[in-house]
Amino acid sequence: MLFAMIFGGLIGYAFGRFPGFLVGAAIGAFLFQRMKSRLIGRIQSLQNNFVESVFAVMGALCKADGVVTRDEIQLAEAMFERFRLNEEQKAIARDAFNRGKQPDFDLDAELNRFLQSSGRQPAFLQMFLQVQVSAVAADGQVHPAEHEMLVRIARGLGLPESQVDQLEAMLRGAHAGHAGGSPNYSSGQQIEDAYKVLGVSASASDAEIKRAYRKLMSENHPDKLAGRGMPESMREMAEERTREISHAYDVIKDARKQAS
């Protein structure tokens, strides 16, 4: 704000000396506040749209197998707490979840609405998909009907189907890590999943793998996403994603070291 006042003041001074400086400074401060208010309003709008669309699509996804179970409803409630939603946001999320369960819910229209509000930022779209995968796979598994809808969601967001495979692999890696004990780097499934998480093939060179790792870590850095409007409540999930990316990179490095 100080810069805006000084800049406006200097312009005013050029036209009207000291009185012009005062007027220019006042105008600069006014314009700064307006720009700040618009930016804050845009971020808040993006965050609200994120929460509403996330839970509306989650409601539809939970009904992918034909019925929404009590466990799935409890899972949605747990998500409210995990994302640290305030009471107003919880009300928005509940209404959205119930709307998504309705037979006439238009999934494609909802995804398109989110695309428009998010500015099609790749990291936001990936985070949106990650929430959906986490929601249906709290037990470490994704059932066929759910996988099919996840693929449809990914396509609706303009993301490749491989993103679903990547997130499911990431989820398996997380559950393997939570199982306790030292990770088994010789596990063929774990190594295969690690390559999927980084989005590279097993034939990729060490340099290509390192570039893919750095790119993913940069794109998914929680502070960077927060600066683009990601709700603070989603920070934990963003941090979880970067941990899984880092874990996958370590699995690949150790597997290659053992193989050499």
Protein backbone atom coordinates (compact mmCIF):
# COMPACT_ATOMS: atom_id res chain seq x y z
CA MET A 1 0.00 0.00 0.00
CA LEU A 2 2.87 2.37 0.84
CA PHE A 3 4.29 1.87 -2.63
CA ALA A 4 0.91 2.70 -4.19
CA MET A 5 0.65 5.89 -2.11
CA ILE A 6 4.17 7.00 -3.01
CA PHE A 7 3.72 6.15 -6.67
CA GLY A 8 0.40 8.01 -6.83
CA GLY A 9 1.89 10.89 -4.88
CA LEU A 10 4.81 11.28 -7.28
CA ILE A 11 2.45 11.37 -10.24
CA GLY A 12 0.33 13.99 -8.46
CA TYR A 13 3.42 16.01 -7.54
CA ALA A 14 4.45 16.15 -11.19
CA PHE A 15 1.17 17.91 -11.98
CA GLY A 16 0.41 19.87 -8.83
CA ARG A 17 3.44 19.99 -6.56
CA PHE A 18 2.69 19.27 -2.87
CA PRO A 19 -1.14 19.49 -3.09
CA GLY A 20 -0.97 17.22 -6.10
CA PHE A 21 1.22 14.83 -4.13
CA LEU A 22 -1.43 14.55 -1.38
CA VAL A 23 -4.22 14.00 -3.88
CA GLY A 24 -2.17 11.45 -5.83
CA ALA A 25 -1.25 9.57 -2.65
CA ALA A 26 -4.90 9.41 -1.61
CA ILE A 27 -5.92 8.12 -5.04
CA GLY A 28 -3.11 5.54 -4.95
CA ALA A 29 -4.24 4.28 -1.54
CA PHE A 30 -7.85 4.10 -2.72
CA LEU A 31 -6.97 2.12 -5.83
CA PHE A 32 -4.75 -0.22 -3.81
CA GLN A 33 -7.59 -1.00 -1.39
CA ARG A 34 -9.97 -1.68 -4.26
CA MET A 35 -7.51 -4.04 -5.92
CA LYS A 36 -6.86 -5.78 -2.59
CA SER A 37 -10.59 -6.20 -1.93
CA ARG A 38 -11.15 -7.66 -5.39
CA LEU A 39 -8.26 -10.09 -4.95
CA ILE A 40 -9.51 -11.24 -1.55
CA GLY A 41 -13.04 -11.56 -2.94
CA ARG A 42 -11.78 -13.63 -5.86
CA ILE A 43 -9.82 -15.97 -3.57
CA GLN A 44 -12.80 -16.41 -1.23
CA SER A 45 -15.07 -17.12 -4.18
CA LEU A 46 -12.61 -19.68 -5.53
CA GLN A 47 -12.38 -21.37 -2.12
CA ASN A 48 -16.17 -21.56 -1.72
CA ASN A 49 -16.56 -22.92 -5.24
CA PHE A 50 -13.83 -25.47 -4.53
CA VAL A 51 -15.60 -26.74 -1.40
CA GLU A 52 -19.03 -26.84 -3.05
CA SER A 53 -17.90 -28.64 -6.20
CA VAL A 54 -15.66 -31.07 -4.30
CA PHE A 55 -18.50 -32.30 -2.09
CA ALA A 56 -21.15 -32.28 -4.82
CA VAL A 57 -18.99 -34.55 -6.98
CA MET A 58 -18.11 -36.61 -3.90
CA GLY A 59 -21.83 -37.23 -3.33
CA ALA A 60 -22.23 -38.48 -6.89
CA LEU A 61 -19.11 -40.61 -6.61
CA CYS A 62 -20.26 -42.26 -3.38
CA LYS A 63 -23.44 -43.27 -5.21
CA ALA A 64 -21.53 -44.73 -8.16
CA ASP A 65 -22.25 -48.27 -6.98
CA GLY A 66 -25.97 -47.52 -6.68
CA VAL A 67 -26.33 -46.61 -3.01
CA VAL A 68 -24.76 -44.24 -0.50
CA THR A 69 -23.89 -46.19 2.63
CA ARG A 70 -23.73 -44.91 6.19
CA ASP A 71 -19.96 -45.41 6.10
CA GLU A 72 -19.68 -43.10 3.07
CA ILE A 73 -21.76 -40.44 4.82
CA GLN A 74 -19.51 -40.71 7.86
CA LEU A 75 -16.51 -40.44 5.54
CA ALA A 76 -17.86 -37.17 4.12
CA GLU A 77 -18.37 -35.89 7.68
CA ALA A 78 -14.78 -36.88 8.49
CA MET A 79 -13.65 -34.87 5.48
CA PHE A 80 -15.34 -31.81 6.99
CA GLU A 81 -13.09 -32.16 10.01
CA ARG A 82 -10.00 -33.04 8.03
CA PHE A 83 -10.38 -29.91 5.93
CA ARG A 84 -11.13 -27.86 9.07
CA LEU A 85 -14.26 -26.35 7.56
CA ASN A 86 -16.05 -23.69 9.56
CA GLU A 87 -19.79 -23.99 10.25
CA GLU A 88 -20.74 -22.00 7.15
CA GLN A 89 -18.50 -24.14 4.96
CA LYS A 90 -19.85 -27.34 6.54
CA ALA A 91 -23.39 -26.26 5.65
CA ILE A 92 -22.30 -25.58 2.06
CA ALA A 93 -20.53 -28.95 1.90
CA ARG A 94 -23.52 -30.89 3.28
CA ASP A 95 -25.93 -29.27 0.85
CA ALA A 96 -23.53 -29.92 -2.02
CA PHE A 97 -23.01 -33.58 -1.00
CA ASN A 98 -26.77 -34.15 -0.88
CA ARG A 99 -27.19 -32.40 -4.24
CA GLY A 100 -24.59 -34.71 -5.77
CA LYS A 101 -26.54 -37.78 -4.61
CA GLN A 102 -29.66 -36.78 -6.52
CA PRO A 103 -30.59 -38.78 -9.66
CA ASP A 104 -30.74 -35.62 -11.77
CA PHE A 105 -27.30 -34.36 -10.70
CA ASP A 106 -25.39 -33.16 -13.75
CA LEU A 107 -21.80 -34.26 -13.14
CA ASP A 108 -20.44 -32.81 -16.37
CA ALA A 109 -22.02 -29.40 -15.69
CA GLU A 110 -20.57 -29.35 -12.17
CA LEU A 111 -17.10 -30.19 -13.43
CA ASN A 112 -17.35 -27.49 -16.08
CA ARG A 113 -18.44 -24.98 -13.43
CA PHE A 114 -15.37 -25.83 -11.37
CA LEU A 115 -13.15 -25.58 -14.45
CA GLN A 116 -14.36 -22.04 -15.03
CA SER A 117 -14.03 -20.91 -11.40
CA SER A 118 -10.56 -22.45 -10.96
CA GLY A 119 -9.13 -20.86 -14.06
CA ARG A 120 -8.19 -24.38 -15.18
CA GLN A 121 -5.08 -24.32 -13.01
CA PRO A 122 -3.56 -27.83 -13.33
CA ALA A 123 -2.54 -28.10 -9.66
CA PHE A 124 -6.08 -27.21 -8.53
CA LEU A 125 -7.61 -29.76 -10.88
CA GLN A 126 -5.23 -32.45 -9.65
CA MET A 127 -6.01 -31.56 -6.03
CA PHE A 128 -9.74 -31.82 -6.81
CA LEU A 129 -9.23 -35.30 -8.25
CA GLN A 130 -7.02 -36.30 -5.33
CA VAL A 131 -9.81 -35.47 -2.87
CA GLN A 132 -12.21 -37.71 -4.79
CA VAL A 133 -9.77 -40.63 -4.86
CA SER A 134 -9.09 -40.24 -1.14
CA ALA A 135 -12.80 -40.11 -0.40
CA VAL A 136 -13.70 -43.40 -2.08
CA ALA A 137 -10.56 -45.25 -1.05
CA ALA A 138 -10.31 -44.62 2.67
CA ASP A 139 -9.97 -48.40 3.05
CA GLY A 140 -7.09 -48.51 0.56
CA GLN A 141 -9.20 -49.84 -2.31
CA VAL A 142 -11.03 -48.34 -5.28
CA HIS A 143 -13.89 -50.46 -6.60
CA PRO A 144 -14.46 -50.84 -10.39
CA ALA A 145 -17.57 -48.63 -10.55
CA GLU A 146 -15.76 -45.94 -8.55
CA HIS A 147 -12.68 -46.19 -10.75
CA GLU A 148 -14.86 -45.77 -13.85
CA MET A 149 -16.41 -42.60 -12.44
CA LEU A 150 -13.01 -41.28 -11.35
CA VAL A 151 -11.84 -41.67 -14.94
CA ARG A 152 -14.93 -39.77 -16.09
CA ILE A 153 -14.18 -37.00 -13.58
CA ALA A 154 -10.58 -36.79 -14.74
CA ARG A 155 -11.65 -36.49 -18.37
CA GLY A 156 -14.23 -33.86 -17.43
CA LEU A 157 -11.43 -31.83 -15.86
CA GLY A 158 -9.27 -32.24 -18.94
CA LEU A 159 -6.84 -34.51 -17.10
CA PRO A 160 -5.45 -37.75 -18.58
CA GLU A 161 -6.68 -41.09 -17.29
CA SER A 162 -3.14 -41.70 -16.06
CA GLN A 163 -3.81 -39.13 -13.33
CA VAL A 164 -6.29 -41.54 -11.76
CA ASP A 165 -3.74 -44.36 -11.91
CA GLN A 166 -1.14 -42.02 -10.42
CA LEU A 167 -3.36 -41.06 -7.47
CA GLU A 168 -4.47 -44.63 -6.84
CA ALA A 169 -0.80 -45.67 -6.83
CA MET A 170 -0.06 -42.83 -4.43
CA LEU A 171 -2.86 -44.03 -2.17
CA ARG A 172 -1.53 -47.59 -2.16
CA GLY A 173 1.90 -46.23 -1.27
CA ALA A 174 0.44 -44.26 1.62
CA HIS A 175 -1.38 -47.29 3.01
CA ALA A 176 1.75 -49.43 2.63
CA GLY A 177 3.71 -46.81 4.54
CA HIS A 178 1.10 -46.69 7.32
CA ALA A 179 1.20 -50.47 7.69
CA GLY A 180 4.34 -50.13 9.78
CA GLY A 181 7.83 -51.55 9.50
CA SER A 182 10.53 -50.76 6.97
CA PRO A 183 9.40 -50.30 3.38
CA ASN A 184 10.14 -53.25 1.11
CA TYR A 185 11.83 -51.63 -1.86
CA SER A 186 12.05 -54.97 -3.66
CA SER A 187 8.25 -55.14 -3.89
CA GLY A 188 7.39 -55.14 -7.58
CA GLN A 189 4.01 -53.48 -6.95
CA GLN A 190 5.54 -50.73 -4.84
CA ILE A 191 8.19 -49.93 -7.42
CA GLU A 192 5.63 -49.98 -10.23
CA ASP A 193 3.40 -47.62 -8.23
CA ALA A 194 6.35 -45.30 -7.56
CA TYR A 195 6.93 -44.86 -11.29
CA LYS A 196 3.20 -44.13 -11.74
CA VAL A 197 3.30 -41.51 -9.00
CA LEU A 198 6.09 -39.65 -10.78
CA GLY A 199 4.43 -40.18 -14.16
CA VAL A 200 7.48 -41.79 -15.76
CA SER A 201 8.22 -45.22 -17.21
CA ALA A 202 10.60 -47.75 -15.70
CA SER A 203 12.90 -47.19 -18.69
CA ALA A 204 13.34 -43.47 -17.90
CA SER A 205 16.86 -42.29 -17.18
CA ASP A 206 17.90 -41.08 -13.72
CA ALA A 207 17.98 -37.52 -15.05
CA GLU A 208 14.42 -37.80 -16.44
CA ILE A 209 13.17 -39.18 -13.13
CA LYS A 210 14.83 -36.37 -11.21
CA ARG A 211 13.28 -33.75 -13.51
CA ALA A 212 9.83 -35.32 -13.12
CA TYR A 213 10.25 -35.35 -9.33
CA ARG A 214 11.33 -31.70 -9.16
CA LYS A 215 8.51 -30.62 -11.47
CA LEU A 216 5.86 -32.36 -9.37
CA MET A 217 7.27 -30.98 -6.11
CA SER A 218 7.27 -27.47 -7.54
CA GLU A 219 3.72 -27.72 -8.92
CA ASN A 220 2.34 -29.13 -5.67
CA HIS A 221 4.15 -27.00 -3.11
CA PRO A 222 1.49 -26.05 -0.50
CA ASP A 223 2.62 -22.41 -0.28
CA LYS A 224 2.45 -22.00 -4.04
CA LEU A 225 -1.05 -23.50 -4.14
CA ALA A 226 -2.18 -21.31 -1.24
CA GLY A 227 -0.98 -18.23 -3.13
CA ARG A 228 -3.19 -19.27 -6.04
CA GLY A 229 -6.27 -19.51 -3.83
CA MET A 230 -6.23 -23.05 -2.45
CA PRO A 231 -8.24 -23.14 0.79
CA GLU A 232 -6.02 -23.34 3.87
CA SER A 233 -8.10 -26.36 4.87
CA MET A 234 -6.61 -28.25 1.91
CA ARG A 235 -3.01 -27.65 3.01
CA GLU A 236 -2.77 -30.96 4.85
CA MET A 237 -3.73 -32.86 1.71
CA ALA A 238 -1.26 -30.83 -0.36
CA GLU A 239 1.48 -31.66 2.14
CA GLU A 240 0.44 -35.31 2.04
CA ARG A 241 0.75 -35.28 -1.75
CA THR A 242 4.29 -33.86 -1.65
CA ARG A 243 5.28 -36.50 0.94
CA GLU A 244 4.02 -39.28 -1.33
CA ILE A 245 5.86 -37.79 -4.32
CA SER A 246 9.05 -37.67 -2.26
CA HIS A 247 8.47 -41.22 -1.01
CA ALA A 248 8.01 -42.51 -4.57
CA TYR A 249 11.26 -40.85 -5.62
CA ASP A 250 13.09 -42.52 -2.69
CA VAL A 251 11.61 -45.92 -3.59
CA ILE A 252 12.86 -45.63 -7.17
CA LYS A 253 16.32 -44.41 -6.13
CA ASP A 254 16.76 -47.22 -3.62
CA ALA A 255 15.45 -49.86 -6.02
CA ARG A 256 17.90 -48.74 -8.70
CA LYS A 257 20.75 -48.64 -6.21
CA GLN A 258 20.01 -52.22 -5.15
CA ALA A 259 19.76 -53.33 -8.78
CA SER A 260 23.12 -51.81 -9.76
